[in-house]
Amino acid sequence: MRILLIGGNGFIGRFAVSVLTQQGHAVAVFHRGTTAAPAGVEEIRGNRNQLGNSIQELKRFVPDVVIDLVIPNPLFYSTQLTTGAPPKKH
């Protein structure tokens, strides 16, 4: 299977890449390029907030599955998990 990981360079992403490649999947990591992508994966550099700028590279990989490992706003998710309500805007 061809799997695209968005933000696959972080703590969880490195473990996911390792397991997925050991299972024989073709893996690509889409990231900003601030750190090197894990060995053995295809690297697609770009900004998730400007996906249109990377559309050709993303289409070339042709993923079967896309896994988003980026939490855009940790406060939002942690507040929802603990209280069940979104955080108040300041």
PDB file of N, CA and C in Angstrom:
ATOM      1  N   MET A   1       0.839  -1.167   0.000  1.00  0.00           N
ATOM      2  CA  MET A   1       0.000   0.000   0.000  1.00  0.00           C
ATOM      3  C   MET A   1       0.893   1.242   0.000  1.00  0.00           C
ATOM      4  N   ARG A   2       0.440   2.298  -0.627  1.00  0.00           N
ATOM      5  CA  ARG A   2       1.179   3.567  -0.688  1.00  0.00           C
ATOM      6  C   ARG A   2       0.570   4.504   0.354  1.00  0.00           C
ATOM      7  N   ILE A   3       1.371   4.880   1.347  1.00  0.00           N
ATOM      8  CA  ILE A   3       0.870   5.650   2.485  1.00  0.00           C
ATOM      9  C   ILE A   3       1.600   6.979   2.586  1.00  0.00           C
ATOM     10  N   LEU A   4       0.831   8.053   2.636  1.00  0.00           N
ATOM     11  CA  LEU A   4       1.365   9.398   2.808  1.00  0.00           C
ATOM     12  C   LEU A   4       1.143   9.829   4.247  1.00  0.00           C
ATOM     13  N   LEU A   5       2.223  10.179   4.931  1.00  0.00           N
ATOM     14  CA  LEU A   5       2.135  10.696   6.292  1.00  0.00           C
ATOM     15  C   LEU A   5       2.345  12.197   6.258  1.00  0.00           C
ATOM     16  N   ILE A   6       1.386  12.931   6.762  1.00  0.00           N
ATOM     17  CA  ILE A   6       1.551  14.382   6.885  1.00  0.00           C
ATOM     18  C   ILE A   6       2.142  14.633   8.256  1.00  0.00           C
ATOM     19  N   GLY A   7       3.333  15.239   8.273  1.00  0.00           N
ATOM     20  CA  GLY A   7       4.013  15.481   9.537  1.00  0.00           C
ATOM     21  C   GLY A   7       4.654  14.223  10.092  1.00  0.00           C
ATOM     22  N   GLY A   8       5.242  13.416   9.262  1.00  0.00           N
ATOM     23  CA  GLY A   8       5.804  12.145   9.693  1.00  0.00           C
ATOM     24  C   GLY A   8       7.195  12.202  10.293  1.00  0.00           C
ATOM     25  N   ASN A   9       7.694  13.391  10.607  1.00  0.00           N
ATOM     26  CA  ASN A   9       9.034  13.517  11.166  1.00  0.00           C
ATOM     27  C   ASN A   9       9.061  13.581  12.685  1.00  0.00           C
ATOM     28  N   GLY A  10       7.926  13.753  13.300  1.00  0.00           N
ATOM     29  CA  GLY A  10       7.873  13.928  14.751  1.00  0.00           C
ATOM     30  C   GLY A  10       7.996  12.621  15.505  1.00  0.00           C
ATOM     31  N   PHE A  11       7.746  12.706  16.774  1.00  0.00           N
ATOM     32  CA  PHE A  11       7.902  11.563  17.678  1.00  0.00           C
ATOM     33  C   PHE A  11       7.089  10.356  17.220  1.00  0.00           C
ATOM     34  N   ILE A  12       5.817  10.555  16.971  1.00  0.00           N
ATOM     35  CA  ILE A  12       4.953   9.448  16.546  1.00  0.00           C
ATOM     36  C   ILE A  12       5.263   9.032  15.116  1.00  0.00           C
ATOM     37  N   GLY A  13       5.521  10.011  14.261  1.00  0.00           N
ATOM     38  CA  GLY A  13       5.760   9.733  12.852  1.00  0.00           C
ATOM     39  C   GLY A  13       6.934   8.812  12.600  1.00  0.00           C
ATOM     40  N   ARG A  14       8.013   8.983  13.339  1.00  0.00           N
ATOM     41  CA  ARG A  14       9.186   8.125  13.138  1.00  0.00           C
ATOM     42  C   ARG A  14       8.876   6.668  13.459  1.00  0.00           C
ATOM     43  N   PHE A  15       8.078   6.440  14.504  1.00  0.00           N
ATOM     44  CA  PHE A  15       7.679   5.072  14.835  1.00  0.00           C
ATOM     45  C   PHE A  15       6.738   4.520  13.765  1.00  0.00           C
ATOM     46  N   ALA A  16       5.800   5.350  13.299  1.00  0.00           N
ATOM     47  CA  ALA A  16       4.864   4.919  12.258  1.00  0.00           C
ATOM     48  C   ALA A  16       5.610   4.563  10.982  1.00  0.00           C
ATOM     49  N   VAL A  17       6.580   5.397  10.586  1.00  0.00           N
ATOM     50  CA  VAL A  17       7.381   5.127   9.389  1.00  0.00           C
ATOM     51  C   VAL A  17       8.099   3.795   9.527  1.00  0.00           C
ATOM     52  N   SER A  18       8.698   3.567  10.663  1.00  0.00           N
ATOM     53  CA  SER A  18       9.444   2.325  10.879  1.00  0.00           C
ATOM     54  C   SER A  18       8.543   1.096  10.728  1.00  0.00           C
ATOM     55  N   VAL A  19       7.400   1.124  11.372  1.00  0.00           N
ATOM     56  CA  VAL A  19       6.475  -0.019  11.313  1.00  0.00           C
ATOM     57  C   VAL A  19       5.937  -0.205   9.890  1.00  0.00           C
ATOM     58  N   LEU A  20       5.530   0.884   9.262  1.00  0.00           N
ATOM     59  CA  LEU A  20       4.943   0.780   7.923  1.00  0.00           C
ATOM     60  C   LEU A  20       5.947   0.276   6.892  1.00  0.00           C
ATOM     61  N   THR A  21       7.182   0.760   6.956  1.00  0.00           N
ATOM     62  CA  THR A  21       8.181   0.289   5.989  1.00  0.00           C
ATOM     63  C   THR A  21       8.566  -1.162   6.265  1.00  0.00           C
ATOM     64  N   GLN A  22       8.620  -1.560   7.533  1.00  0.00           N
ATOM     65  CA  GLN A  22       8.905  -2.966   7.858  1.00  0.00           C
ATOM     66  C   GLN A  22       7.815  -3.888   7.327  1.00  0.00           C
ATOM     67  N   GLN A  23       6.602  -3.378   7.235  1.00  0.00           N
ATOM     68  CA  GLN A  23       5.484  -4.164   6.706  1.00  0.00           C
ATOM     69  C   GLN A  23       5.444  -4.160   5.182  1.00  0.00           C
ATOM     70  N   GLY A  24       6.375  -3.439   4.564  1.00  0.00           N
ATOM     71  CA  GLY A  24       6.472  -3.455   3.113  1.00  0.00           C
ATOM     72  C   GLY A  24       5.709  -2.365   2.388  1.00  0.00           C
ATOM     73  N   HIS A  25       5.186  -1.395   3.118  1.00  0.00           N
ATOM     74  CA  HIS A  25       4.449  -0.307   2.487  1.00  0.00           C
ATOM     75  C   HIS A  25       5.408   0.719   1.891  1.00  0.00           C
ATOM     76  N   ALA A  26       4.986   1.358   0.823  1.00  0.00           N
ATOM     77  CA  ALA A  26       5.719   2.495   0.265  1.00  0.00           C
ATOM     78  C   ALA A  26       5.232   3.723   1.032  1.00  0.00           C
ATOM     79  N   VAL A  27       6.155   4.432   1.662  1.00  0.00           N
ATOM     80  CA  VAL A  27       5.783   5.541   2.535  1.00  0.00           C
ATOM     81  C   VAL A  27       6.402   6.839   2.027  1.00  0.00           C
ATOM     82  N   ALA A  28       5.595   7.905   2.044  1.00  0.00           N
ATOM     83  CA  ALA A  28       6.087   9.250   1.765  1.00  0.00           C
ATOM     84  C   ALA A  28       5.744  10.122   2.963  1.00  0.00           C
ATOM     85  N   VAL A  29       6.641  11.043   3.275  1.00  0.00           N
ATOM     86  CA  VAL A  29       6.430  11.980   4.375  1.00  0.00           C
ATOM     87  C   VAL A  29       6.302  13.380   3.789  1.00  0.00           C
ATOM     88  N   PHE A  30       5.186  14.037   4.079  1.00  0.00           N
ATOM     89  CA  PHE A  30       4.970  15.416   3.671  1.00  0.00           C
ATOM     90  C   PHE A  30       5.266  16.292   4.874  1.00  0.00           C
ATOM     91  N   HIS A  31       6.252  17.199   4.736  1.00  0.00           N
ATOM     92  CA  HIS A  31       6.638  18.036   5.871  1.00  0.00           C
ATOM     93  C   HIS A  31       7.276  19.329   5.384  1.00  0.00           C
ATOM     94  N   ARG A  32       7.541  20.232   6.335  1.00  0.00           N
ATOM     95  CA  ARG A  32       8.101  21.544   5.994  1.00  0.00           C
ATOM     96  C   ARG A  32       9.583  21.479   5.671  1.00  0.00           C
ATOM     97  N   GLY A  33      10.262  20.427   6.064  1.00  0.00           N
ATOM     98  CA  GLY A  33      11.678  20.314   5.755  1.00  0.00           C
ATOM     99  C   GLY A  33      12.593  20.882   6.811  1.00  0.00           C
ATOM    100  N   THR A  34      12.077  21.108   8.008  1.00  0.00           N
ATOM    101  CA  THR A  34      12.928  21.644   9.072  1.00  0.00           C
ATOM    102  C   THR A  34      13.869  20.584   9.637  1.00  0.00           C
ATOM    103  N   THR A  35      13.504  19.314   9.475  1.00  0.00           N
ATOM    104  CA  THR A  35      14.375  18.193   9.849  1.00  0.00           C
ATOM    105  C   THR A  35      14.350  17.192   8.704  1.00  0.00           C
ATOM    106  N   ALA A  36      15.337  16.328   8.682  1.00  0.00           N
ATOM    107  CA  ALA A  36      15.418  15.328   7.609  1.00  0.00           C
ATOM    108  C   ALA A  36      14.317  14.283   7.765  1.00  0.00           C
ATOM    109  N   ALA A  37      13.814  13.820   6.644  1.00  0.00           N
ATOM    110  CA  ALA A  37      12.828  12.735   6.667  1.00  0.00           C
ATOM    111  C   ALA A  37      13.528  11.447   7.062  1.00  0.00           C
ATOM    112  N   PRO A  38      12.798  10.510   7.656  1.00  0.00           N
ATOM    113  CA  PRO A  38      13.391   9.226   8.014  1.00  0.00           C
ATOM    114  C   PRO A  38      13.950   8.516   6.779  1.00  0.00           C
ATOM    115  N   ALA A  39      14.986   7.746   6.985  1.00  0.00           N
ATOM    116  CA  ALA A  39      15.604   7.000   5.881  1.00  0.00           C
ATOM    117  C   ALA A  39      14.608   6.009   5.281  1.00  0.00           C
ATOM    118  N   GLY A  40      14.699   5.842   3.973  1.00  0.00           N
ATOM    119  CA  GLY A  40      13.890   4.832   3.297  1.00  0.00           C
ATOM    120  C   GLY A  40      12.501   5.273   2.890  1.00  0.00           C
ATOM    121  N   VAL A  41      12.192   6.570   3.031  1.00  0.00           N
ATOM    122  CA  VAL A  41      10.881   7.049   2.617  1.00  0.00           C
ATOM    123  C   VAL A  41      11.037   8.153   1.578  1.00  0.00           C
ATOM    124  N   GLU A  42       9.994   8.355   0.816  1.00  0.00           N
ATOM    125  CA  GLU A  42       9.990   9.476  -0.120  1.00  0.00           C
ATOM    126  C   GLU A  42       9.668  10.740   0.669  1.00  0.00           C
ATOM    127  N   GLU A  43      10.318  11.818   0.319  1.00  0.00           N
ATOM    128  CA  GLU A  43      10.139  13.079   1.033  1.00  0.00           C
ATOM    129  C   GLU A  43       9.454  14.090   0.124  1.00  0.00           C
ATOM    130  N   ILE A  44       8.376  14.669   0.618  1.00  0.00           N
ATOM    131  CA  ILE A  44       7.683  15.729  -0.101  1.00  0.00           C
ATOM    132  C   ILE A  44       7.653  16.927   0.832  1.00  0.00           C
ATOM    133  N   ARG A  45       8.339  17.991   0.426  1.00  0.00           N
ATOM    134  CA  ARG A  45       8.404  19.182   1.273  1.00  0.00           C
ATOM    135  C   ARG A  45       7.334  20.180   0.872  1.00  0.00           C
ATOM    136  N   GLY A  46       6.700  20.756   1.892  1.00  0.00           N
ATOM    137  CA  GLY A  46       5.681  21.758   1.641  1.00  0.00           C
ATOM    138  C   GLY A  46       5.008  22.172   2.927  1.00  0.00           C
ATOM    139  N   ASN A  47       4.047  23.057   2.792  1.00  0.00           N
ATOM    140  CA  ASN A  47       3.308  23.585   3.924  1.00  0.00           C
ATOM    141  C   ASN A  47       1.882  23.062   3.848  1.00  0.00           C
ATOM    142  N   ARG A  48       1.420  22.441   4.900  1.00  0.00           N
ATOM    143  CA  ARG A  48       0.067  21.874   4.913  1.00  0.00           C
ATOM    144  C   ARG A  48      -1.007  22.939   4.713  1.00  0.00           C
ATOM    145  N   ASN A  49      -0.696  24.189   5.034  1.00  0.00           N
ATOM    146  CA  ASN A  49      -1.653  25.272   4.850  1.00  0.00           C
ATOM    147  C   ASN A  49      -1.641  25.817   3.423  1.00  0.00           C
ATOM    148  N   GLN A  50      -0.729  25.296   2.603  1.00  0.00           N
ATOM    149  CA  GLN A  50      -0.639  25.697   1.197  1.00  0.00           C
ATOM    150  C   GLN A  50      -0.445  24.451   0.328  1.00  0.00           C
ATOM    151  N   LEU A  51      -1.345  23.497   0.484  1.00  0.00           N
ATOM    152  CA  LEU A  51      -1.225  22.219  -0.228  1.00  0.00           C
ATOM    153  C   LEU A  51      -1.198  22.390  -1.737  1.00  0.00           C
ATOM    154  N   GLY A  52      -1.855  23.402  -2.234  1.00  0.00           N
ATOM    155  CA  GLY A  52      -1.877  23.642  -3.678  1.00  0.00           C
ATOM    156  C   GLY A  52      -0.495  23.814  -4.271  1.00  0.00           C
ATOM    157  N   ASN A  53       0.438  24.326  -3.480  1.00  0.00           N
ATOM    158  CA  ASN A  53       1.807  24.516  -3.961  1.00  0.00           C
ATOM    159  C   ASN A  53       2.553  23.190  -4.125  1.00  0.00           C
ATOM    160  N   SER A  54       2.060  22.124  -3.509  1.00  0.00           N
ATOM    161  CA  SER A  54       2.734  20.818  -3.562  1.00  0.00           C
ATOM    162  C   SER A  54       1.910  19.767  -4.284  1.00  0.00           C
ATOM    163  N   ILE A  55       0.868  20.198  -4.963  1.00  0.00           N
ATOM    164  CA  ILE A  55      -0.078  19.249  -5.556  1.00  0.00           C
ATOM    165  C   ILE A  55       0.571  18.301  -6.557  1.00  0.00           C
ATOM    166  N   GLN A  56       1.520  18.772  -7.362  1.00  0.00           N
ATOM    167  CA  GLN A  56       2.151  17.897  -8.346  1.00  0.00           C
ATOM    168  C   GLN A  56       2.932  16.767  -7.676  1.00  0.00           C
ATOM    169  N   GLU A  57       3.688  17.097  -6.625  1.00  0.00           N
ATOM    170  CA  GLU A  57       4.454  16.071  -5.909  1.00  0.00           C
ATOM    171  C   GLU A  57       3.516  15.082  -5.216  1.00  0.00           C
ATOM    172  N   LEU A  58       2.431  15.589  -4.640  1.00  0.00           N
ATOM    173  CA  LEU A  58       1.477  14.715  -3.959  1.00  0.00           C
ATOM    174  C   LEU A  58       0.787  13.788  -4.962  1.00  0.00           C
ATOM    175  N   LYS A  59       0.427  14.317  -6.134  1.00  0.00           N
ATOM    176  CA  LYS A  59      -0.205  13.490  -7.174  1.00  0.00           C
ATOM    177  C   LYS A  59       0.762  12.439  -7.706  1.00  0.00           C
ATOM    178  N   ARG A  60       2.026  12.786  -7.810  1.00  0.00           N
ATOM    179  CA  ARG A  60       3.030  11.848  -8.317  1.00  0.00           C
ATOM    180  C   ARG A  60       3.169  10.624  -7.415  1.00  0.00           C
ATOM    181  N   PHE A  61       3.039  10.834  -6.101  1.00  0.00           N
ATOM    182  CA  PHE A  61       3.159   9.708  -5.172  1.00  0.00           C
ATOM    183  C   PHE A  61       1.940   8.784  -5.239  1.00  0.00           C
ATOM    184  N   VAL A  62       0.771   9.308  -5.507  1.00  0.00           N
ATOM    185  CA  VAL A  62      -0.480   8.561  -5.620  1.00  0.00           C
ATOM    186  C   VAL A  62      -0.741   7.691  -4.381  1.00  0.00           C
ATOM    187  N   PRO A  63      -1.008   8.316  -3.236  1.00  0.00           N
ATOM    188  CA  PRO A  63      -1.224   7.527  -2.024  1.00  0.00           C
ATOM    189  C   PRO A  63      -2.556   6.785  -2.034  1.00  0.00           C
ATOM    190  N   ASP A  64      -2.550   5.610  -1.431  1.00  0.00           N
ATOM    191  CA  ASP A  64      -3.788   4.874  -1.180  1.00  0.00           C
ATOM    192  C   ASP A  64      -4.435   5.371   0.110  1.00  0.00           C
ATOM    193  N   VAL A  65      -3.573   5.777   1.040  1.00  0.00           N
ATOM    194  CA  VAL A  65      -4.015   6.228   2.365  1.00  0.00           C
ATOM    195  C   VAL A  65      -3.221   7.469   2.744  1.00  0.00           C
ATOM    196  N   VAL A  66      -3.892   8.427   3.395  1.00  0.00           N
ATOM    197  CA  VAL A  66      -3.230   9.611   3.938  1.00  0.00           C
ATOM    198  C   VAL A  66      -3.480   9.624   5.436  1.00  0.00           C
ATOM    199  N   ILE A  67      -2.397   9.732   6.211  1.00  0.00           N
ATOM    200  CA  ILE A  67      -2.499   9.797   7.667  1.00  0.00           C
ATOM    201  C   ILE A  67      -1.932  11.134   8.116  1.00  0.00           C
ATOM    202  N   ASP A  68      -2.761  11.931   8.770  1.00  0.00           N
ATOM    203  CA  ASP A  68      -2.354  13.255   9.244  1.00  0.00           C
ATOM    204  C   ASP A  68      -1.915  13.131  10.698  1.00  0.00           C
ATOM    205  N   LEU A  69      -0.629  13.354  10.946  1.00  0.00           N
ATOM    206  CA  LEU A  69      -0.073  13.239  12.294  1.00  0.00           C
ATOM    207  C   LEU A  69       0.139  14.590  12.968  1.00  0.00           C
ATOM    208  N   VAL A  70      -0.345  15.642  12.350  1.00  0.00           N
ATOM    209  CA  VAL A  70      -0.136  16.983  12.893  1.00  0.00           C
ATOM    210  C   VAL A  70      -1.377  17.426  13.651  1.00  0.00           C
ATOM    211  N   ILE A  71      -1.169  17.878  14.880  1.00  0.00           N
ATOM    212  CA  ILE A  71      -2.250  18.475  15.656  1.00  0.00           C
ATOM    213  C   ILE A  71      -2.125  19.984  15.455  1.00  0.00           C
ATOM    214  N   PRO A  72      -3.063  20.607  14.736  1.00  0.00           N
ATOM    215  CA  PRO A  72      -2.922  22.019  14.415  1.00  0.00           C
ATOM    216  C   PRO A  72      -2.990  22.943  15.623  1.00  0.00           C
ATOM    217  N   ASN A  73      -3.731  22.566  16.640  1.00  0.00           N
ATOM    218  CA  ASN A  73      -3.851  23.404  17.822  1.00  0.00           C
ATOM    219  C   ASN A  73      -3.975  22.494  19.039  1.00  0.00           C
ATOM    220  N   PRO A  74      -2.859  22.168  19.708  1.00  0.00           N
ATOM    221  CA  PRO A  74      -2.913  21.243  20.845  1.00  0.00           C
ATOM    222  C   PRO A  74      -3.871  21.691  21.941  1.00  0.00           C
ATOM    223  N   LEU A  75      -3.995  22.992  22.176  1.00  0.00           N
ATOM    224  CA  LEU A  75      -4.906  23.489  23.202  1.00  0.00           C
ATOM    225  C   LEU A  75      -6.336  23.092  22.885  1.00  0.00           C
ATOM    226  N   PHE A  76      -6.720  23.185  21.625  1.00  0.00           N
ATOM    227  CA  PHE A  76      -8.082  22.826  21.225  1.00  0.00           C
ATOM    228  C   PHE A  76      -8.375  21.371  21.576  1.00  0.00           C
ATOM    229  N   TYR A  77      -7.483  20.475  21.193  1.00  0.00           N
ATOM    230  CA  TYR A  77      -7.721  19.055  21.423  1.00  0.00           C
ATOM    231  C   TYR A  77      -7.646  18.701  22.892  1.00  0.00           C
ATOM    232  N   SER A  78      -6.685  19.255  23.621  1.00  0.00           N
ATOM    233  CA  SER A  78      -6.584  18.917  25.039  1.00  0.00           C
ATOM    234  C   SER A  78      -7.790  19.452  25.798  1.00  0.00           C
ATOM    235  N   THR A  79      -8.307  20.611  25.416  1.00  0.00           N
ATOM    236  CA  THR A  79      -9.496  21.158  26.072  1.00  0.00           C
ATOM    237  C   THR A  79     -10.713  20.309  25.763  1.00  0.00           C
ATOM    238  N   GLN A  80     -10.852  19.890  24.519  1.00  0.00           N
ATOM    239  CA  GLN A  80     -11.988  19.040  24.158  1.00  0.00           C
ATOM    240  C   GLN A  80     -11.938  17.714  24.902  1.00  0.00           C
ATOM    241  N   LEU A  81     -10.761  17.137  25.032  1.00  0.00           N
ATOM    242  CA  LEU A  81     -10.640  15.848  25.698  1.00  0.00           C
ATOM    243  C   LEU A  81     -10.959  15.946  27.186  1.00  0.00           C
ATOM    244  N   THR A  82     -10.551  17.027  27.827  1.00  0.00           N
ATOM    245  CA  THR A  82     -10.740  17.127  29.275  1.00  0.00           C
ATOM    246  C   THR A  82     -12.104  17.695  29.670  1.00  0.00           C
ATOM    247  N   THR A  83     -12.682  18.575  28.847  1.00  0.00           N
ATOM    248  CA  THR A  83     -13.946  19.211  29.216  1.00  0.00           C
ATOM    249  C   THR A  83     -15.093  18.870  28.275  1.00  0.00           C
ATOM    250  N   GLY A  84     -14.782  18.405  27.084  1.00  0.00           N
ATOM    251  CA  GLY A  84     -15.815  18.129  26.116  1.00  0.00           C
ATOM    252  C   GLY A  84     -16.267  19.348  25.335  1.00  0.00           C
ATOM    253  N   ALA A  85     -15.665  20.499  25.645  1.00  0.00           N
ATOM    254  CA  ALA A  85     -16.043  21.746  24.956  1.00  0.00           C
ATOM    255  C   ALA A  85     -14.828  22.381  24.327  1.00  0.00           C
ATOM    256  N   PRO A  86     -15.001  23.063  23.196  1.00  0.00           N
ATOM    257  CA  PRO A  86     -13.858  23.758  22.590  1.00  0.00           C
ATOM    258  C   PRO A  86     -13.406  24.903  23.472  1.00  0.00           C
ATOM    259  N   PRO A  87     -12.140  25.311  23.358  1.00  0.00           N
ATOM    260  CA  PRO A  87     -11.643  26.408  24.187  1.00  0.00           C
ATOM    261  C   PRO A  87     -12.292  27.733  23.812  1.00  0.00           C
ATOM    262  N   LYS A  88     -12.345  28.630  24.766  1.00  0.00           N
ATOM    263  CA  LYS A  88     -12.885  29.969  24.501  1.00  0.00           C
ATOM    264  C   LYS A  88     -11.842  30.772  23.748  1.00  0.00           C
ATOM    265  N   LYS A  89     -12.303  31.581  22.810  1.00  0.00           N
ATOM    266  CA  LYS A  89     -11.399  32.472  22.077  1.00  0.00           C
ATOM    267  C   LYS A  89     -11.130  33.696  22.927  1.00  0.00           C
ATOM    268  N   HIS A  90      -9.895  34.121  22.920  1.00  0.00           N
ATOM    269  CA  HIS A  90      -9.513  35.298  23.729  1.00  0.00           C
ATOM    270  C   HIS A  90      -9.511  36.534  22.886  1.00  0.00           C
TER     271      HIS A  90
END
